[in-house]
């Protein structure tokens, strides 16, 4: 599903009059989640899931087939954990 199709789905499910209203709602939601994660706050939507910013440790290794090594830095990454009712809905196909 691309963004345009998703906007139409949100418009239908949210009873928005126009696609631009639905797109504004999607943008507000994603901006709010992003702002919370940037400030290291977790966002939990009961039944849907939770968003969190977690520290991913850096690692080192070798490039296959060469003697070159590499290291990556520690960084913050977004994580999503699905909630029980979302998992159940996906599993049952509803």
Protein backbone atom coordinates (compact mmCIF):
# COMPACT_ATOMS: atom_id res chain seq x y z
CA UNK A 1 0.00 0.00 0.00
CA UNK A 2 1.45 3.36 -0.96
CA UNK A 3 0.82 6.68 0.78
CA UNK A 4 -2.07 7.74 -1.49
CA UNK A 5 -3.88 4.45 -0.88
CA UNK A 6 -3.27 4.78 2.86
CA UNK A 7 -4.68 8.33 2.86
CA UNK A 8 -7.84 7.02 1.15
CA UNK A 9 -8.14 4.24 3.75
CA UNK A 10 -7.77 6.72 6.61
CA UNK A 11 -10.32 9.02 4.97
CA UNK A 12 -12.82 6.16 4.74
CA UNK A 13 -12.23 4.79 8.26
CA UNK A 14 -12.02 8.21 9.92
CA UNK A 15 -15.02 9.72 8.14
CA UNK A 16 -12.92 12.64 6.88
CA UNK A 17 -14.64 14.76 4.23
CA UNK A 18 -11.52 15.30 2.12
CA UNK A 19 -8.27 13.54 1.45
CA UNK A 20 -6.35 16.59 2.65
CA UNK A 21 -8.01 16.30 6.10
CA UNK A 22 -6.98 12.65 6.27
CA UNK A 23 -3.45 13.49 5.15
CA UNK A 24 -3.26 16.23 7.81
CA UNK A 25 -4.31 13.70 10.47
CA UNK A 26 -1.65 11.23 9.32
CA UNK A 27 1.02 13.95 9.32
CA UNK A 28 0.01 15.13 12.80
CA UNK A 29 0.18 11.55 14.13
CA UNK A 30 3.60 10.83 12.61
CA UNK A 31 4.99 14.23 13.69
CA UNK A 32 3.78 13.68 17.26
CA UNK A 33 5.34 10.20 17.43
CA UNK A 34 8.59 11.55 15.97
CA UNK A 35 8.70 14.44 18.45
CA UNK A 36 8.13 12.10 21.39
CA UNK A 37 10.82 9.65 20.25
CA UNK A 38 13.34 12.45 19.64
CA UNK A 39 12.83 13.55 23.24
CA UNK A 40 13.33 9.90 24.34
CA UNK A 41 9.73 9.41 25.45
CA UNK A 42 7.88 6.15 24.83
CA UNK A 43 4.42 6.26 23.26
CA UNK A 44 1.98 3.48 24.15
CA UNK A 45 -1.34 3.07 22.36
CA UNK A 46 -3.19 0.39 24.33
CA UNK A 47 -4.18 -2.50 22.09
CA UNK A 48 -2.25 -1.15 19.09
CA UNK A 49 1.35 -1.11 20.29
CA UNK A 50 4.17 0.96 21.64
CA UNK A 51 6.86 3.11 20.07
CA UNK A 52 10.21 3.61 21.80
CA UNK A 53 13.63 5.05 21.06
CA UNK A 54 16.32 2.57 22.08
CA UNK A 55 20.10 2.60 22.01
CA UNK A 56 21.62 0.32 19.42
CA UNK A 57 25.17 -0.57 20.44
CA UNK A 58 27.91 -0.13 17.88
CA UNK A 59 29.62 -3.21 16.56
CA UNK A 60 32.78 -4.17 14.76
CA UNK A 61 33.49 -6.86 12.23
CA UNK A 62 35.32 -7.75 9.06
CA UNK A 63 34.24 -7.29 5.47
CA UNK A 64 33.78 -10.77 3.93
CA UNK A 65 36.52 -11.72 1.49
CA UNK A 66 38.91 -8.98 2.64
CA UNK A 67 41.10 -8.10 5.60
CA UNK A 68 39.23 -4.82 6.13
CA UNK A 69 37.50 -4.21 9.44
CA UNK A 70 34.72 -1.81 10.29
CA UNK A 71 33.13 -0.36 13.39
CA UNK A 72 29.76 1.33 13.80
CA UNK A 73 28.86 3.92 16.39
CA UNK A 74 26.20 3.65 19.08
CA UNK A 75 22.97 5.25 17.88
CA UNK A 76 19.36 5.76 18.89
CA UNK A 77 16.86 3.85 16.75
CA UNK A 78 13.04 3.74 16.76
CA UNK A 79 11.36 0.48 17.75
CA UNK A 80 7.73 -0.62 17.52
CA UNK A 81 6.20 -3.46 19.50
CA UNK A 82 2.75 -4.58 18.40
CA UNK A 83 0.02 -4.82 21.02
CA UNK A 84 -2.06 -7.92 21.71
CA UNK A 85 -5.21 -6.89 19.86
CA UNK A 86 -3.21 -5.84 16.78
CA UNK A 87 -1.40 -9.20 16.82
CA UNK A 88 -4.69 -11.05 17.25
CA UNK A 89 -6.37 -9.12 14.42
CA UNK A 90 -3.51 -9.79 12.01
CA UNK A 91 -3.38 -13.47 12.97
CA UNK A 92 -7.11 -13.96 12.44
CA UNK A 93 -7.14 -11.94 9.21
CA UNK A 94 -9.77 -9.45 10.42
